[in-house]
Amino acid sequence: MERRRGLKGVLFGALVLASGCVAVPGPPPAPPVVAAPAAPEVVPPQPGPAYVWVPGYWTWRRGAYAWVAGAWLLPPRPGYAWTPGYWVHRGRDRVWVAGHWSMR
């Protein structure tokens, strides 16, 4: 009887070792995502009363972020206003909606 208990203990130990149950620490937490600060812009004088200031923004270009400077633009039609780009949630994702002209 003692021999059977000893054999069961050895078999159980071998089974645990062979099962691959190993405690491995998980990956470190991801660093927080921080938006890049807007580059300082000097807004030049408005060229005319119908012009609208479109602020600068960061864009992804050739594997790196690049600053696109702001500019005075004319709306495509009377009654249109500039809507700056923004992030929205779509399901479990976040999607960038680029700046665009829209009816007021």
Protein backbone atom coordinates (compact mmCIF):
# COMPACT_ATOMS: atom_id res chain seq x y z
CA MET A 1 0.00 0.00 0.00
CA GLU A 2 2.82 2.44 0.89
CA ARG A 3 4.48 1.71 -2.39
CA ARG A 4 1.28 2.62 -4.32
CA ARG A 5 0.96 5.97 -2.49
CA GLY A 6 4.57 6.79 -3.24
CA LEU A 7 4.13 5.87 -6.89
CA LYS A 8 0.96 8.00 -7.13
CA GLY A 9 2.81 10.97 -5.63
CA VAL A 10 5.67 10.59 -8.09
CA LEU A 11 3.27 10.24 -11.02
CA PHE A 12 1.27 13.29 -9.88
CA GLY A 13 4.45 15.36 -9.55
CA ALA A 14 5.64 14.25 -12.97
CA LEU A 15 2.24 15.13 -14.46
CA VAL A 16 2.33 18.65 -12.97
CA LEU A 17 5.86 19.23 -14.24
CA ALA A 18 5.02 17.88 -17.71
CA SER A 19 1.83 19.94 -18.02
CA GLY A 20 3.80 23.13 -18.63
CA CYS A 21 2.16 25.06 -15.80
CA VAL A 22 4.71 27.79 -15.38
CA ALA A 23 4.01 31.22 -13.92
CA VAL A 24 5.37 33.83 -16.31
CA PRO A 25 4.93 37.55 -15.69
CA GLY A 26 2.83 39.31 -18.32
CA PRO A 27 4.07 42.13 -20.52
CA PRO A 28 4.53 45.52 -18.90
CA PRO A 29 1.58 47.91 -19.22
CA ALA A 30 1.52 50.05 -22.34
CA PRO A 31 2.60 53.64 -21.88
CA PRO A 32 -0.26 56.17 -21.97
CA VAL A 33 -1.05 57.70 -25.34
CA VAL A 34 -0.42 61.41 -25.16
CA ALA A 35 -1.45 63.76 -27.94
CA ALA A 36 1.39 65.82 -29.34
CA PRO A 37 1.06 69.48 -28.50
CA ALA A 38 0.09 71.78 -31.32
CA ALA A 39 3.06 73.53 -32.83
CA PRO A 40 3.03 77.21 -31.96
CA GLU A 41 1.40 79.12 -34.79
CA VAL A 42 1.50 82.80 -35.53
CA VAL A 43 -1.81 83.61 -37.18
CA PRO A 44 -1.22 86.16 -39.92
CA PRO A 45 -3.74 88.95 -40.54
CA GLN A 46 -6.99 87.89 -42.16
CA PRO A 47 -6.69 88.52 -45.91
CA GLY A 48 -10.39 89.36 -46.28
CA PRO A 49 -13.70 89.25 -44.37
CA ALA A 50 -14.85 85.95 -45.94
CA TYR A 51 -11.69 84.01 -45.01
CA VAL A 52 -11.79 81.44 -42.20
CA TRP A 53 -8.74 80.40 -40.16
CA VAL A 54 -8.14 76.63 -40.43
CA PRO A 55 -5.75 75.68 -37.61
CA GLY A 56 -2.70 73.49 -38.10
CA TYR A 57 -2.68 69.79 -37.24
CA TRP A 58 -0.45 66.74 -37.02
CA THR A 59 -0.59 64.13 -39.80
CA TRP A 60 1.13 60.78 -40.37
CA ARG A 61 3.44 61.05 -43.37
CA ARG A 62 6.13 58.57 -44.52
CA GLY A 63 6.36 56.79 -41.18
CA ALA A 64 6.46 59.87 -38.93
CA TYR A 65 4.23 62.65 -37.70
CA ALA A 66 4.51 65.95 -39.56
CA TRP A 67 2.99 69.33 -38.71
CA VAL A 68 0.67 70.88 -41.30
CA ALA A 69 0.55 74.64 -40.74
CA GLY A 70 -2.76 76.47 -40.46
CA ALA A 71 -4.01 78.74 -43.22
CA TRP A 72 -6.70 81.28 -44.09
CA LEU A 73 -9.15 79.60 -46.50
CA LEU A 74 -12.31 80.62 -48.28
CA PRO A 75 -15.33 78.40 -47.58
CA PRO A 76 -16.39 76.36 -50.63
CA ARG A 77 -19.89 77.91 -50.49
CA PRO A 78 -21.62 80.65 -48.49
CA GLY A 79 -22.93 79.37 -45.14
CA TYR A 80 -20.20 76.74 -44.68
CA ALA A 81 -18.07 76.57 -41.54
CA TRP A 82 -14.83 74.71 -40.79
CA THR A 83 -15.11 71.73 -38.43
CA PRO A 84 -11.69 70.80 -36.99
CA GLY A 85 -10.62 67.14 -36.98
CA TYR A 86 -11.61 65.01 -33.99
CA TRP A 87 -11.57 61.43 -32.65
CA VAL A 88 -14.76 59.34 -32.39
CA HIS A 89 -15.48 55.91 -30.90
CA ARG A 90 -16.67 53.31 -33.41
CA GLY A 91 -17.33 50.09 -31.53
CA ARG A 92 -14.12 49.26 -29.68
CA ASP A 93 -11.97 51.44 -31.95
CA ARG A 94 -11.17 55.14 -32.11
CA VAL A 95 -11.24 56.70 -35.56
CA TRP A 96 -9.89 60.08 -36.68
CA VAL A 97 -12.38 62.25 -38.59
CA ALA A 98 -10.40 64.77 -40.61
CA GLY A 99 -11.29 68.45 -40.54
CA HIS A 100 -13.91 69.41 -43.12
CA TRP A 101 -16.34 72.08 -44.30
CA SER A 102 -19.98 71.64 -43.31
CA MET A 103 -23.20 73.64 -43.38
CA ARG A 104 -23.74 75.77 -40.28
